[in-house]
Structure formats: C-alpha cells, structure tokens
Amino acid sequence: MYGNYFDSQVMRVNGLTASINLPPAPEGGGVHVLPPYSPQAVYVVDEYECPANWMHGSAKAASYFLPVWKDKHLWFGLSTAFGVMTITSLSS
C-alpha cells in the first residue's frame, strides 16, 4: 500500500509517484467539479510483451499503460503526497 493506494495503482520513477483515476464521466454539459477518486491499476510496459514501438523504461523514465473507456473521465493524481511527476506523452 502507498497511502490509500495499492502498489498496482501507483506509477513510480526515480522516487516520484503519481496515480491515474477513471471515475464515471458526469452527464450533461457545462462545467463540472473534479470527478471523484477512482484509482486504476497501471501496468509497466517492460513487464509485458508490448508492441516494439512502445516506449520502454530506463534509469530516468518509466512507461505504464492501462485500459480506458469512453464513458470515463481520466485524471492524474499529482498531489503533494506524491511529489511532482511529469507525464510526457499519451497515446491511444
């Protein structure tokens, strides 16, 4: 466990951490408040047989993947409890 998160729900690189949340998307238009926490499991690219063109980890970087759904909001948990982390790329 890392705080309220399971280890499988935390991305780590060089002592920095972040989480990904996928709560249900709100209905209707307009401005919405931040959706609730809904931590998701993330998977390390280097631990799976991923396509060769996917970025792999190194001493300075880490690569993770997870499934997403069209009826969900995706947001990154970068709270002060986690320090600071930069997400450099996203792809489908």
Protein backbone atom coordinates (compact mmCIF):
# COMPACT_ATOMS: atom_id res chain seq x y z
CA MET A 1 0.00 0.00 0.00
CA TYR A 2 1.08 3.56 -0.71
CA GLY A 3 -1.19 5.84 1.31
CA ASN A 4 -4.71 4.82 0.23
CA TYR A 5 -3.45 3.22 -2.98
CA PHE A 6 -2.45 -0.35 -3.76
CA ASP A 7 1.05 -0.69 -5.24
CA SER A 8 -0.51 -1.66 -8.59
CA GLN A 9 -2.28 1.75 -8.69
CA VAL A 10 0.87 3.88 -8.38
CA MET A 11 3.30 4.87 -11.14
CA ARG A 12 6.88 5.29 -9.91
CA VAL A 13 10.06 6.71 -11.37
CA ASN A 14 13.15 7.99 -9.54
CA GLY A 15 11.35 8.29 -6.20
CA LEU A 16 8.40 10.23 -7.68
CA THR A 17 4.89 8.81 -7.85
CA ALA A 18 1.53 9.50 -9.47
CA SER A 19 -1.81 7.75 -9.86
CA ILE A 20 -4.44 7.55 -12.59
CA ASN A 21 -8.14 7.85 -11.83
CA LEU A 22 -11.02 6.74 -14.09
CA PRO A 23 -14.32 7.69 -12.44
CA PRO A 24 -17.61 7.68 -14.38
CA ALA A 25 -17.98 10.74 -16.61
CA PRO A 26 -20.62 13.24 -15.42
CA GLU A 27 -23.74 13.58 -17.51
CA GLY A 28 -24.87 16.77 -19.21
CA GLY A 29 -22.95 19.78 -20.41
CA GLY A 30 -21.41 22.65 -18.55
CA VAL A 31 -18.62 22.95 -16.03
CA HIS A 32 -18.10 20.13 -13.57
CA VAL A 33 -16.06 19.80 -10.40
CA LEU A 34 -13.12 17.40 -10.30
CA PRO A 35 -14.51 13.86 -10.56
CA PRO A 36 -14.06 11.61 -7.51
CA TYR A 37 -11.03 9.44 -6.91
CA SER A 38 -11.22 6.12 -8.70
CA PRO A 39 -7.66 4.72 -8.72
CA GLN A 40 -6.88 2.29 -11.50
CA ALA A 41 -4.26 -0.40 -11.82
CA VAL A 42 -1.37 0.55 -14.10
CA TYR A 43 0.97 -1.86 -15.86
CA VAL A 44 4.71 -1.46 -16.51
CA VAL A 45 5.43 -1.74 -20.24
CA ASP A 46 8.72 -3.61 -19.61
CA GLU A 47 6.88 -6.41 -17.78
CA TYR A 48 4.64 -7.32 -20.74
CA GLU A 49 5.05 -8.24 -24.40
CA CYS A 50 4.01 -4.82 -25.70
CA PRO A 51 4.45 -3.58 -29.28
CA ALA A 52 8.08 -2.79 -30.12
CA ASN A 53 7.24 0.86 -30.86
CA TRP A 54 6.03 1.49 -27.27
CA MET A 55 8.45 3.50 -25.14
CA HIS A 56 10.26 1.39 -22.56
CA GLY A 57 11.65 2.41 -19.20
CA SER A 58 15.21 3.46 -18.43
CA ALA A 59 17.19 4.78 -15.48
CA LYS A 60 15.48 8.18 -15.99
CA ALA A 61 12.00 7.22 -17.20
CA ALA A 62 9.22 4.70 -16.77
CA SER A 63 6.39 3.69 -19.10
CA TYR A 64 2.99 2.44 -17.99
CA PHE A 65 -0.25 1.50 -19.73
CA LEU A 66 -3.85 0.89 -18.66
CA PRO A 67 -7.22 0.27 -20.30
CA VAL A 68 -9.58 3.24 -20.65
CA TRP A 69 -13.26 3.52 -21.57
CA LYS A 70 -15.19 6.22 -23.41
CA ASP A 71 -17.69 6.75 -20.56
CA LYS A 72 -14.96 7.57 -18.01
CA HIS A 73 -13.03 10.70 -17.07
CA LEU A 74 -9.28 10.24 -16.89
CA TRP A 75 -7.27 12.36 -14.48
CA PHE A 76 -3.83 12.11 -12.93
CA GLY A 77 -3.33 12.25 -9.18
CA LEU A 78 -0.32 14.52 -8.65
CA SER A 79 -0.99 15.53 -5.04
CA THR A 80 1.72 16.87 -2.75
CA ALA A 81 1.81 13.47 -1.06
CA PHE A 82 3.23 12.16 -4.33
CA GLY A 83 5.76 14.94 -5.01
CA VAL A 84 6.00 16.07 -8.63
CA MET A 85 5.94 13.98 -11.78
CA THR A 86 5.72 14.97 -15.45
CA ILE A 87 3.63 12.95 -17.86
CA THR A 88 5.44 13.36 -21.16
CA SER A 89 3.24 11.51 -23.64
CA LEU A 90 -0.14 9.86 -24.05
CA SER A 91 -1.24 7.69 -26.96
CA SER A 92 -4.16 5.55 -27.95
